Amino acid sequence: MTPLLTEVRGYAERRWFSGTKQESNRLVCGMTNRELRSEFAMPLLAADPVNVLPEQREVLEQLVRTHSTPQQLAVRARMILHAADGTRVRASAREVGVWPKTVRYWRKRWRRAAEGQSVPERLADAPRSGAPATYTPEQICAVIAMTCEKPSESERPISHWSQREIADEAMRRGLVPSISQRSVGRFLKKRPTSNHIASVIG
Protein backbone atom coordinates (compact mmCIF):
# COMPACT_ATOMS: atom_id res chain seq x y z
CA MET A 1 0.00 0.00 0.00
CA THR A 2 1.38 3.40 -0.94
CA PRO A 3 1.96 6.11 1.71
CA LEU A 4 -0.92 8.07 0.20
CA LEU A 5 -3.38 5.21 0.57
CA THR A 6 -2.15 4.54 4.09
CA GLU A 7 -2.73 8.19 5.01
CA VAL A 8 -6.20 8.20 3.46
CA ARG A 9 -7.12 4.96 5.25
CA GLY A 10 -5.96 6.37 8.58
CA TYR A 11 -7.95 9.53 7.98
CA ALA A 12 -11.01 7.44 7.12
CA GLU A 13 -10.67 5.41 10.29
CA ARG A 14 -10.49 8.55 12.40
CA ARG A 15 -13.56 9.94 10.71
CA TRP A 16 -15.38 6.64 11.37
CA PHE A 17 -15.38 7.42 15.07
CA SER A 18 -15.80 11.20 14.85
CA GLY A 19 -18.23 11.41 11.90
CA THR A 20 -20.91 9.40 10.16
CA LYS A 21 -20.58 5.96 8.64
CA GLN A 22 -21.50 7.42 5.25
CA GLU A 23 -18.56 9.86 5.39
CA SER A 24 -16.18 7.05 6.34
CA ASN A 25 -17.38 4.78 3.54
CA ARG A 26 -16.91 7.61 1.08
CA LEU A 27 -13.32 8.07 2.21
CA VAL A 28 -12.52 4.36 1.98
CA CYS A 29 -14.04 4.19 -1.51
CA GLY A 30 -11.73 7.03 -2.47
CA MET A 31 -8.82 4.58 -2.32
CA THR A 32 -10.18 2.67 -5.33
CA ASN A 33 -12.31 5.28 -7.09
CA ARG A 34 -10.11 7.68 -9.10
CA GLU A 35 -12.47 10.63 -8.84
CA LEU A 36 -12.85 10.28 -5.09
CA ARG A 37 -9.17 9.52 -4.68
CA SER A 38 -8.17 12.78 -6.33
CA GLU A 39 -10.75 14.61 -4.22
CA PHE A 40 -9.08 13.51 -0.99
CA ALA A 41 -5.50 13.35 -2.24
CA MET A 42 -5.33 16.98 -3.36
CA PRO A 43 -5.70 18.52 0.11
CA LEU A 44 -3.09 16.12 1.47
CA LEU A 45 -0.45 17.01 -1.15
CA ALA A 46 -1.25 20.65 -1.86
CA ALA A 47 1.55 23.09 -0.99
CA ASP A 48 1.28 26.68 0.12
CA PRO A 49 1.62 29.06 -2.85
CA VAL A 50 4.80 31.06 -3.38
CA ASN A 51 4.47 34.48 -4.97
CA VAL A 52 7.30 35.70 -7.17
CA LEU A 53 7.18 39.17 -8.70
CA PRO A 54 8.31 39.62 -12.35
CA GLU A 55 11.49 41.44 -11.31
CA GLN A 56 12.24 38.72 -8.75
CA ARG A 57 11.76 36.01 -11.38
CA GLU A 58 14.22 37.79 -13.64
CA VAL A 59 16.88 37.75 -10.92
CA LEU A 60 16.15 34.11 -10.04
CA GLU A 61 16.41 33.00 -13.66
CA GLN A 62 19.64 34.95 -14.06
CA LEU A 63 21.12 33.23 -11.02
CA VAL A 64 20.20 29.83 -12.47
CA ARG A 65 21.64 30.62 -15.91
CA THR A 66 24.92 32.17 -14.80
CA HIS A 67 27.74 29.67 -14.37
CA SER A 68 29.47 31.77 -11.70
CA THR A 69 26.53 31.38 -9.33
CA PRO A 70 27.47 29.04 -6.44
CA GLN A 71 25.68 25.73 -6.82
CA GLN A 72 23.87 26.09 -3.49
CA LEU A 73 22.44 29.48 -4.48
CA ALA A 74 21.44 28.23 -7.95
CA VAL A 75 19.61 25.24 -6.43
CA ARG A 76 17.66 27.51 -4.09
CA ALA A 77 16.73 29.78 -6.97
CA ARG A 78 15.46 26.77 -8.94
CA MET A 79 13.36 25.60 -5.99
CA ILE A 80 11.64 28.99 -5.76
CA LEU A 81 11.02 29.08 -9.52
CA HIS A 82 9.51 25.59 -9.29
CA ALA A 83 7.22 26.78 -6.49
CA ALA A 84 6.13 29.82 -8.48
CA ASP A 85 5.35 27.58 -11.47
CA GLY A 86 3.21 25.24 -9.36
CA THR A 87 5.66 22.33 -9.22
CA ARG A 88 4.93 20.06 -6.28
CA VAL A 89 7.41 19.65 -3.46
CA ARG A 90 8.54 16.10 -4.24
CA ALA A 91 8.85 16.76 -7.96
CA SER A 92 10.98 19.83 -7.24
CA ALA A 93 13.15 17.86 -4.82
CA ARG A 94 13.77 15.14 -7.43
CA GLU A 95 14.59 17.74 -10.07
CA VAL A 96 17.25 19.55 -8.05
CA GLY A 97 18.50 16.54 -6.07
CA VAL A 98 17.56 17.51 -2.51
CA TRP A 99 15.24 16.20 0.23
CA PRO A 100 11.58 17.35 0.13
CA LYS A 101 12.04 18.94 3.56
CA THR A 102 14.72 21.18 2.03
CA VAL A 103 12.27 22.37 -0.61
CA ARG A 104 9.64 23.07 2.03
CA TYR A 105 12.16 24.97 4.15
CA TRP A 106 13.16 27.38 1.36
CA ARG A 107 9.60 27.88 0.24
CA LYS A 108 8.73 28.84 3.83
CA ARG A 109 11.76 31.15 4.01
CA TRP A 110 10.63 32.88 0.83
CA ARG A 111 7.05 33.33 2.05
CA ARG A 112 8.19 34.73 5.40
CA ALA A 113 10.74 37.15 3.94
CA ALA A 114 10.21 40.80 4.75
CA GLU A 115 8.67 42.96 2.05
CA GLY A 116 11.36 44.68 0.03
CA GLN A 117 14.00 42.07 0.86
CA SER A 118 16.19 41.34 -2.15
CA VAL A 119 16.36 37.94 -3.84
CA PRO A 120 19.95 37.25 -2.66
CA GLU A 121 18.92 38.09 0.91
CA ARG A 122 15.96 35.71 0.67
CA LEU A 123 18.23 32.90 -0.54
CA ALA A 124 21.07 33.50 1.92
CA ASP A 125 21.84 31.14 4.80
CA ALA A 126 20.26 31.99 8.12
CA PRO A 127 22.63 33.66 10.62
CA ARG A 128 24.66 31.20 12.65
CA SER A 129 25.89 31.43 16.21
CA GLY A 130 29.53 32.16 16.93
CA ALA A 131 31.93 34.87 15.86
CA PRO A 132 30.56 37.10 13.10
CA ALA A 133 31.99 36.50 9.63
CA THR A 134 33.84 39.19 7.71
CA TYR A 135 31.00 39.25 5.18
CA THR A 136 27.41 38.30 5.81
CA PRO A 137 25.70 35.73 3.58
CA GLU A 138 23.51 38.53 2.27
CA GLN A 139 26.53 40.57 1.21
CA ILE A 140 28.17 37.58 -0.48
CA CYS A 141 24.98 36.73 -2.37
CA ALA A 142 24.52 40.36 -3.39
CA VAL A 143 28.05 40.55 -4.81
CA ILE A 144 27.61 37.27 -6.68
CA ALA A 145 24.23 38.34 -8.03
CA MET A 146 25.82 41.56 -9.30
CA THR A 147 28.22 39.54 -11.45
CA CYS A 148 25.21 38.10 -13.26
CA GLU A 149 24.71 41.52 -14.83
CA LYS A 150 26.62 42.80 -17.84
CA PRO A 151 29.29 45.37 -16.91
CA SER A 152 27.74 47.79 -19.38
CA GLU A 153 24.61 47.93 -17.21
CA SER A 154 26.78 49.54 -14.54
CA GLU A 155 28.20 51.97 -17.12
CA ARG A 156 31.56 50.24 -17.11
CA PRO A 157 33.33 50.23 -20.51
CA ILE A 158 34.37 46.59 -20.31
CA SER A 159 32.98 43.39 -21.81
CA HIS A 160 33.90 41.09 -18.92
CA TRP A 161 34.00 41.52 -15.16
CA SER A 162 37.39 41.35 -13.46
CA GLN A 163 37.99 40.92 -9.73
CA ARG A 164 39.02 44.57 -9.45
CA GLU A 165 35.94 45.81 -11.31
CA ILE A 166 33.66 43.62 -9.18
CA ALA A 167 35.22 44.91 -5.96
CA ASP A 168 34.98 48.54 -7.11
CA GLU A 169 31.36 48.21 -8.21
CA ALA A 170 30.31 46.37 -5.04
CA MET A 171 31.71 49.20 -2.92
CA ARG A 172 30.24 51.87 -5.19
CA ARG A 173 26.77 50.34 -4.77
CA GLY A 174 27.22 50.06 -1.03
CA LEU A 175 26.89 46.26 -1.04
CA VAL A 176 29.93 46.09 1.26
CA PRO A 177 31.91 48.84 3.01
CA SER A 178 35.14 47.43 1.59
CA ILE A 179 36.25 44.29 -0.19
CA SER A 180 39.50 43.07 -1.69
CA GLN A 181 40.06 41.45 -5.06
CA ARG A 182 41.18 38.34 -3.17
CA SER A 183 37.85 38.09 -1.35
CA VAL A 184 36.01 38.46 -4.65
CA GLY A 185 38.12 35.62 -6.03
CA ARG A 186 37.17 33.37 -3.09
CA PHE A 187 33.48 34.00 -3.72
CA LEU A 188 33.73 33.19 -7.40
CA LYS A 189 35.95 30.12 -7.12
CA LYS A 190 32.95 28.15 -5.88
CA ARG A 191 31.76 27.77 -9.48
CA PRO A 192 33.34 28.06 -12.94
CA THR A 193 33.39 31.59 -14.29
CA SER A 194 30.72 32.93 -16.61
CA ASN A 195 31.19 34.72 -19.90
CA HIS A 196 30.84 38.05 -18.12
CA ILE A 197 33.75 37.41 -15.71
CA ALA A 198 37.32 37.56 -16.93
CA SER A 199 39.41 34.46 -16.39
CA VAL A 200 41.66 36.12 -13.83
CA ILE A 201 40.53 34.17 -10.81
CA GLY A 202 43.25 31.55 -11.20
C-alpha atoms as a PDB file:
ATOM      1  CA  MET A   1       0.000   0.000   0.000  1.00  0.00           C
ATOM      2  CA  THR A   2       1.376   3.397  -0.938  1.00  0.00           C
ATOM      3  CA  PRO A   3       1.961   6.106   1.711  1.00  0.00           C
ATOM      4  CA  LEU A   4      -0.919   8.074   0.200  1.00  0.00           C
ATOM      5  CA  LEU A   5      -3.381   5.212   0.569  1.00  0.00           C
ATOM      6  CA  THR A   6      -2.155   4.542   4.095  1.00  0.00           C
ATOM      7  CA  GLU A   7      -2.729   8.187   5.006  1.00  0.00           C
ATOM      8  CA  VAL A   8      -6.204   8.204   3.464  1.00  0.00           C
ATOM      9  CA  ARG A   9      -7.123   4.957   5.251  1.00  0.00           C
ATOM     10  CA  GLY A  10      -5.957   6.374   8.579  1.00  0.00           C
ATOM     11  CA  TYR A  11      -7.950   9.530   7.981  1.00  0.00           C
ATOM     12  CA  ALA A  12     -11.006   7.442   7.124  1.00  0.00           C
ATOM     13  CA  GLU A  13     -10.667   5.407  10.290  1.00  0.00           C
ATOM     14  CA  ARG A  14     -10.490   8.551  12.401  1.00  0.00           C
ATOM     15  CA  ARG A  15     -13.563   9.940  10.707  1.00  0.00           C
ATOM     16  CA  TRP A  16     -15.382   6.636  11.369  1.00  0.00           C
ATOM     17  CA  PHE A  17     -15.376   7.420  15.069  1.00  0.00           C
ATOM     18  CA  SER A  18     -15.804  11.196  14.847  1.00  0.00           C
ATOM     19  CA  GLY A  19     -18.230  11.414  11.905  1.00  0.00           C
ATOM     20  CA  THR A  20     -20.913   9.401  10.158  1.00  0.00           C
ATOM     21  CA  LYS A  21     -20.576   5.961   8.644  1.00  0.00           C
ATOM     22  CA  GLN A  22     -21.504   7.416   5.254  1.00  0.00           C
ATOM     23  CA  GLU A  23     -18.556   9.856   5.394  1.00  0.00           C
ATOM     24  CA  SER A  24     -16.176   7.052   6.344  1.00  0.00           C
ATOM     25  CA  ASN A  25     -17.383   4.776   3.536  1.00  0.00           C
ATOM     26  CA  ARG A  26     -16.913   7.607   1.079  1.00  0.00           C
ATOM     27  CA  LEU A  27     -13.323   8.069   2.213  1.00  0.00           C
ATOM     28  CA  VAL A  28     -12.517   4.360   1.981  1.00  0.00           C
ATOM     29  CA  CYS A  29     -14.041   4.193  -1.506  1.00  0.00           C
ATOM     30  CA  GLY A  30     -11.725   7.029  -2.467  1.00  0.00           C
ATOM     31  CA  MET A  31      -8.823   4.577  -2.320  1.00  0.00           C
ATOM     32  CA  THR A  32     -10.176   2.667  -5.329  1.00  0.00           C
ATOM     33  CA  ASN A  33     -12.305   5.279  -7.090  1.00  0.00           C
ATOM     34  CA  ARG A  34     -10.107   7.685  -9.098  1.00  0.00           C
ATOM     35  CA  GLU A  35     -12.474  10.625  -8.845  1.00  0.00           C
ATOM     36  CA  LEU A  36     -12.853  10.281  -5.089  1.00  0.00           C
ATOM     37  CA  ARG A  37      -9.171   9.518  -4.676  1.00  0.00           C
ATOM     38  CA  SER A  38      -8.167  12.785  -6.328  1.00  0.00           C
ATOM     39  CA  GLU A  39     -10.747  14.608  -4.221  1.00  0.00           C
ATOM     40  CA  PHE A  40      -9.076  13.512  -0.990  1.00  0.00           C
ATOM     41  CA  ALA A  41      -5.500  13.352  -2.239  1.00  0.00           C
ATOM     42  CA  MET A  42      -5.327  16.976  -3.364  1.00  0.00           C
ATOM     43  CA  PRO A  43      -5.700  18.517   0.110  1.00  0.00           C
ATOM     44  CA  LEU A  44      -3.094  16.120   1.470  1.00  0.00           C
ATOM     45  CA  LEU A  45      -0.448  17.011  -1.147  1.00  0.00           C
ATOM     46  CA  ALA A  46      -1.248  20.655  -1.858  1.00  0.00           C
ATOM     47  CA  ALA A  47       1.551  23.089  -0.992  1.00  0.00           C
ATOM     48  CA  ASP A  48       1.277  26.682   0.116  1.00  0.00           C
ATOM     49  CA  PRO A  49       1.615  29.056  -2.847  1.00  0.00           C
ATOM     50  CA  VAL A  50       4.796  31.060  -3.376  1.00  0.00           C
ATOM     51  CA  ASN A  51       4.467  34.478  -4.972  1.00  0.00           C
ATOM     52  CA  VAL A  52       7.300  35.705  -7.172  1.00  0.00           C
ATOM     53  CA  LEU A  53       7.178  39.173  -8.705  1.00  0.00           C
ATOM     54  CA  PRO A  54       8.310  39.621 -12.351  1.00  0.00           C
ATOM     55  CA  GLU A  55      11.492  41.439 -11.310  1.00  0.00           C
ATOM     56  CA  GLN A  56      12.238  38.721  -8.748  1.00  0.00           C
ATOM     57  CA  ARG A  57      11.760  36.012 -11.376  1.00  0.00           C
ATOM     58  CA  GLU A  58      14.219  37.793 -13.643  1.00  0.00           C
ATOM     59  CA  VAL A  59      16.883  37.754 -10.917  1.00  0.00           C
ATOM     60  CA  LEU A  60      16.152  34.108 -10.044  1.00  0.00           C
ATOM     61  CA  GLU A  61      16.414  32.996 -13.663  1.00  0.00           C
ATOM     62  CA  GLN A  62      19.640  34.947 -14.063  1.00  0.00           C
ATOM     63  CA  LEU A  63      21.121  33.230 -11.021  1.00  0.00           C
ATOM     64  CA  VAL A  64      20.198  29.832 -12.467  1.00  0.00           C
ATOM     65  CA  ARG A  65      21.644  30.620 -15.912  1.00  0.00           C
ATOM     66  CA  THR A  66      24.915  32.172 -14.800  1.00  0.00           C
ATOM     67  CA  HIS A  67      27.744  29.669 -14.373  1.00  0.00           C
ATOM     68  CA  SER A  68      29.467  31.775 -11.698  1.00  0.00           C
ATOM     69  CA  THR A  69      26.528  31.381  -9.334  1.00  0.00           C
ATOM     70  CA  PRO A  70      27.470  29.043  -6.440  1.00  0.00           C
ATOM     71  CA  GLN A  71      25.675  25.728  -6.816  1.00  0.00           C
ATOM     72  CA  GLN A  72      23.874  26.095  -3.489  1.00  0.00           C
ATOM     73  CA  LEU A  73      22.443  29.475  -4.483  1.00  0.00           C
ATOM     74  CA  ALA A  74      21.445  28.227  -7.946  1.00  0.00           C
ATOM     75  CA  VAL A  75      19.607  25.243  -6.431  1.00  0.00           C
ATOM     76  CA  ARG A  76      17.659  27.507  -4.085  1.00  0.00           C
ATOM     77  CA  ALA A  77      16.727  29.784  -6.971  1.00  0.00           C
ATOM     78  CA  ARG A  78      15.464  26.770  -8.942  1.00  0.00           C
ATOM     79  CA  MET A  79      13.361  25.596  -5.992  1.00  0.00           C
ATOM     80  CA  ILE A  80      11.643  28.993  -5.763  1.00  0.00           C
ATOM     81  CA  LEU A  81      11.021  29.077  -9.519  1.00  0.00           C
ATOM     82  CA  HIS A  82       9.506  25.594  -9.291  1.00  0.00           C
ATOM     83  CA  ALA A  83       7.225  26.776  -6.488  1.00  0.00           C
ATOM     84  CA  ALA A  84       6.134  29.823  -8.478  1.00  0.00           C
ATOM     85  CA  ASP A  85       5.352  27.578 -11.466  1.00  0.00           C
ATOM     86  CA  GLY A  86       3.205  25.242  -9.358  1.00  0.00           C
ATOM     87  CA  THR A  87       5.662  22.328  -9.225  1.00  0.00           C
ATOM     88  CA  ARG A  88       4.934  20.065  -6.277  1.00  0.00           C
ATOM     89  CA  VAL A  89       7.415  19.651  -3.463  1.00  0.00           C
ATOM     90  CA  ARG A  90       8.540  16.100  -4.237  1.00  0.00           C
ATOM     91  CA  ALA A  91       8.855  16.762  -7.960  1.00  0.00           C
ATOM     92  CA  SER A  92      10.976  19.835  -7.241  1.00  0.00           C
ATOM     93  CA  ALA A  93      13.146  17.857  -4.817  1.00  0.00           C
ATOM     94  CA  ARG A  94      13.767  15.143  -7.430  1.00  0.00           C
ATOM     95  CA  GLU A  95      14.593  17.739 -10.074  1.00  0.00           C
ATOM     96  CA  VAL A  96      17.253  19.554  -8.048  1.00  0.00           C
ATOM     97  CA  GLY A  97      18.500  16.537  -6.068  1.00  0.00           C
ATOM     98  CA  VAL A  98      17.560  17.506  -2.506  1.00  0.00           C
ATOM     99  CA  TRP A  99      15.236  16.200   0.227  1.00  0.00           C
ATOM    100  CA  PRO A 100      11.578  17.351   0.134  1.00  0.00           C
ATOM    101  CA  LYS A 101      12.044  18.939   3.563  1.00  0.00           C
ATOM    102  CA  THR A 102      14.720  21.182   2.034  1.00  0.00           C
ATOM    103  CA  VAL A 103      12.273  22.367  -0.614  1.00  0.00           C
ATOM    104  CA  ARG A 104       9.645  23.073   2.033  1.00  0.00           C
ATOM    105  CA  TYR A 105      12.158  24.966   4.146  1.00  0.00           C
ATOM    106  CA  TRP A 106      13.163  27.383   1.362  1.00  0.00           C
ATOM    107  CA  ARG A 107       9.596  27.876   0.243  1.00  0.00           C
ATOM    108  CA  LYS A 108       8.731  28.837   3.825  1.00  0.00           C
ATOM    109  CA  ARG A 109      11.761  31.146   4.011  1.00  0.00           C
ATOM    110  CA  TRP A 110      10.630  32.881   0.829  1.00  0.00           C
ATOM    111  CA  ARG A 111       7.054  33.334   2.046  1.00  0.00           C
ATOM    112  CA  ARG A 112       8.192  34.727   5.397  1.00  0.00           C
ATOM    113  CA  ALA A 113      10.741  37.153   3.940  1.00  0.00           C
ATOM    114  CA  ALA A 114      10.208  40.803   4.748  1.00  0.00           C
ATOM    115  CA  GLU A 115       8.674  42.963   2.054  1.00  0.00           C
ATOM    116  CA  GLY A 116      11.355  44.682   0.030  1.00  0.00           C
ATOM    117  CA  GLN A 117      13.999  42.073   0.861  1.00  0.00           C
ATOM    118  CA  SER A 118      16.186  41.342  -2.149  1.00  0.00           C
ATOM    119  CA  VAL A 119      16.357  37.942  -3.837  1.00  0.00           C
ATOM    120  CA  PRO A 120      19.952  37.251  -2.664  1.00  0.00           C
ATOM    121  CA  GLU A 121      18.925  38.088   0.912  1.00  0.00           C
ATOM    122  CA  ARG A 122      15.964  35.714   0.673  1.00  0.00           C
ATOM    123  CA  LEU A 123      18.228  32.897  -0.542  1.00  0.00           C
ATOM    124  CA  ALA A 124      21.067  33.497   1.921  1.00  0.00           C
ATOM    125  CA  ASP A 125      21.838  31.143   4.796  1.00  0.00           C
ATOM    126  CA  ALA A 126      20.260  31.993   8.121  1.00  0.00           C
ATOM    127  CA  PRO A 127      22.632  33.665  10.621  1.00  0.00           C
ATOM    128  CA  ARG A 128      24.661  31.203  12.655  1.00  0.00           C
ATOM    129  CA  SER A 129      25.891  31.431  16.210  1.00  0.00           C
ATOM    130  CA  GLY A 130      29.533  32.162  16.930  1.00  0.00           C
ATOM    131  CA  ALA A 131      31.931  34.870  15.860  1.00  0.00           C
ATOM    132  CA  PRO A 132      30.559  37.096  13.098  1.00  0.00           C
ATOM    133  CA  ALA A 133      31.987  36.500   9.630  1.00  0.00           C
ATOM    134  CA  THR A 134      33.844  39.186   7.714  1.00  0.00           C
ATOM    135  CA  TYR A 135      31.005  39.251   5.180  1.00  0.00           C
ATOM    136  CA  THR A 136      27.410  38.302   5.812  1.00  0.00           C
ATOM    137  CA  PRO A 137      25.695  35.727   3.579  1.00  0.00           C
ATOM    138  CA  GLU A 138      23.508  38.527   2.270  1.00  0.00           C
ATOM    139  CA  GLN A 139      26.529  40.572   1.208  1.00  0.00           C
ATOM    140  CA  ILE A 140      28.174  37.584  -0.482  1.00  0.00           C
ATOM    141  CA  CYS A 141      24.977  36.731  -2.370  1.00  0.00           C
ATOM    142  CA  ALA A 142      24.521  40.362  -3.392  1.00  0.00           C
ATOM    143  CA  VAL A 143      28.048  40.551  -4.815  1.00  0.00           C
ATOM    144  CA  ILE A 144      27.614  37.271  -6.679  1.00  0.00           C
ATOM    145  CA  ALA A 145      24.233  38.341  -8.027  1.00  0.00           C
ATOM    146  CA  MET A 146      25.817  41.561  -9.296  1.00  0.00           C
ATOM    147  CA  THR A 147      28.220  39.544 -11.447  1.00  0.00           C
ATOM    148  CA  CYS A 148      25.206  38.104 -13.260  1.00  0.00           C
ATOM    149  CA  GLU A 149      24.713  41.523 -14.826  1.00  0.00           C
ATOM    150  CA  LYS A 150      26.624  42.801 -17.835  1.00  0.00           C
ATOM    151  CA  PRO A 151      29.293  45.370 -16.908  1.00  0.00           C
ATOM    152  CA  SER A 152      27.739  47.787 -19.384  1.00  0.00           C
ATOM    153  CA  GLU A 153      24.615  47.933 -17.212  1.00  0.00           C
ATOM    154  CA  SER A 154      26.785  49.545 -14.544  1.00  0.00           C
ATOM    155  CA  GLU A 155      28.201  51.973 -17.117  1.00  0.00           C
ATOM    156  CA  ARG A 156      31.564  50.242 -17.107  1.00  0.00           C
ATOM    157  CA  PRO A 157      33.334  50.231 -20.508  1.00  0.00           C
ATOM    158  CA  ILE A 158      34.375  46.588 -20.315  1.00  0.00           C
ATOM    159  CA  SER A 159      32.976  43.392 -21.812  1.00  0.00           C
ATOM    160  CA  HIS A 160      33.905  41.090 -18.917  1.00  0.00           C
ATOM    161  CA  TRP A 161      34.002  41.518 -15.156  1.00  0.00           C
ATOM    162  CA  SER A 162      37.387  41.351 -13.458  1.00  0.00           C
ATOM    163  CA  GLN A 163      37.991  40.922  -9.734  1.00  0.00           C
ATOM    164  CA  ARG A 164      39.024  44.569  -9.451  1.00  0.00           C
ATOM    165  CA  GLU A 165      35.940  45.812 -11.309  1.00  0.00           C
ATOM    166  CA  ILE A 166      33.659  43.619  -9.184  1.00  0.00           C
ATOM    167  CA  ALA A 167      35.217  44.907  -5.962  1.00  0.00           C
ATOM    168  CA  ASP A 168      34.978  48.541  -7.113  1.00  0.00           C
ATOM    169  CA  GLU A 169      31.357  48.212  -8.215  1.00  0.00           C
ATOM    170  CA  ALA A 170      30.312  46.365  -5.043  1.00  0.00           C
ATOM    171  CA  MET A 171      31.712  49.201  -2.917  1.00  0.00           C
ATOM    172  CA  ARG A 172      30.240  51.868  -5.185  1.00  0.00           C
ATOM    173  CA  ARG A 173      26.774  50.336  -4.774  1.00  0.00           C
ATOM    174  CA  GLY A 174      27.215  50.055  -1.031  1.00  0.00           C
ATOM    175  CA  LEU A 175      26.890  46.263  -1.037  1.00  0.00           C
ATOM    176  CA  VAL A 176      29.932  46.087   1.256  1.00  0.00           C
ATOM    177  CA  PRO A 177      31.914  48.838   3.013  1.00  0.00           C
ATOM    178  CA  SER A 178      35.143  47.430   1.590  1.00  0.00           C
ATOM    179  CA  ILE A 179      36.251  44.295  -0.188  1.00  0.00           C
ATOM    180  CA  SER A 180      39.504  43.071  -1.694  1.00  0.00           C
ATOM    181  CA  GLN A 181      40.062  41.446  -5.057  1.00  0.00           C
ATOM    182  CA  ARG A 182      41.185  38.344  -3.172  1.00  0.00           C
ATOM    183  CA  SER A 183      37.849  38.092  -1.349  1.00  0.00           C
ATOM    184  CA  VAL A 184      36.009  38.455  -4.652  1.00  0.00           C
ATOM    185  CA  GLY A 185      38.124  35.625  -6.031  1.00  0.00           C
ATOM    186  CA  ARG A 186      37.170  33.373  -3.086  1.00  0.00           C
ATOM    187  CA  PHE A 187      33.478  33.996  -3.716  1.00  0.00           C
ATOM    188  CA  LEU A 188      33.728  33.192  -7.404  1.00  0.00           C
ATOM    189  CA  LYS A 189      35.950  30.118  -7.117  1.00  0.00           C
ATOM    190  CA  LYS A 190      32.946  28.147  -5.882  1.00  0.00           C
ATOM    191  CA  ARG A 191      31.763  27.765  -9.478  1.00  0.00           C
ATOM    192  CA  PRO A 192      33.340  28.061 -12.940  1.00  0.00           C
ATOM    193  CA  THR A 193      33.392  31.594 -14.293  1.00  0.00           C
ATOM    194  CA  SER A 194      30.723  32.927 -16.615  1.00  0.00           C
ATOM    195  CA  ASN A 195      31.190  34.719 -19.902  1.00  0.00           C
ATOM    196  CA  HIS A 196      30.835  38.055 -18.117  1.00  0.00           C
ATOM    197  CA  ILE A 197      33.746  37.409 -15.711  1.00  0.00           C
ATOM    198  CA  ALA A 198      37.317  37.562 -16.925  1.00  0.00           C
ATOM    199  CA  SER A 199      39.409  34.457 -16.390  1.00  0.00           C
ATOM    200  CA  VAL A 200      41.662  36.120 -13.834  1.00  0.00           C
ATOM    201  CA  ILE A 201      40.533  34.166 -10.805  1.00  0.00           C
ATOM    202  CA  GLY A 202      43.245  31.549 -11.195  1.00  0.00           C
END
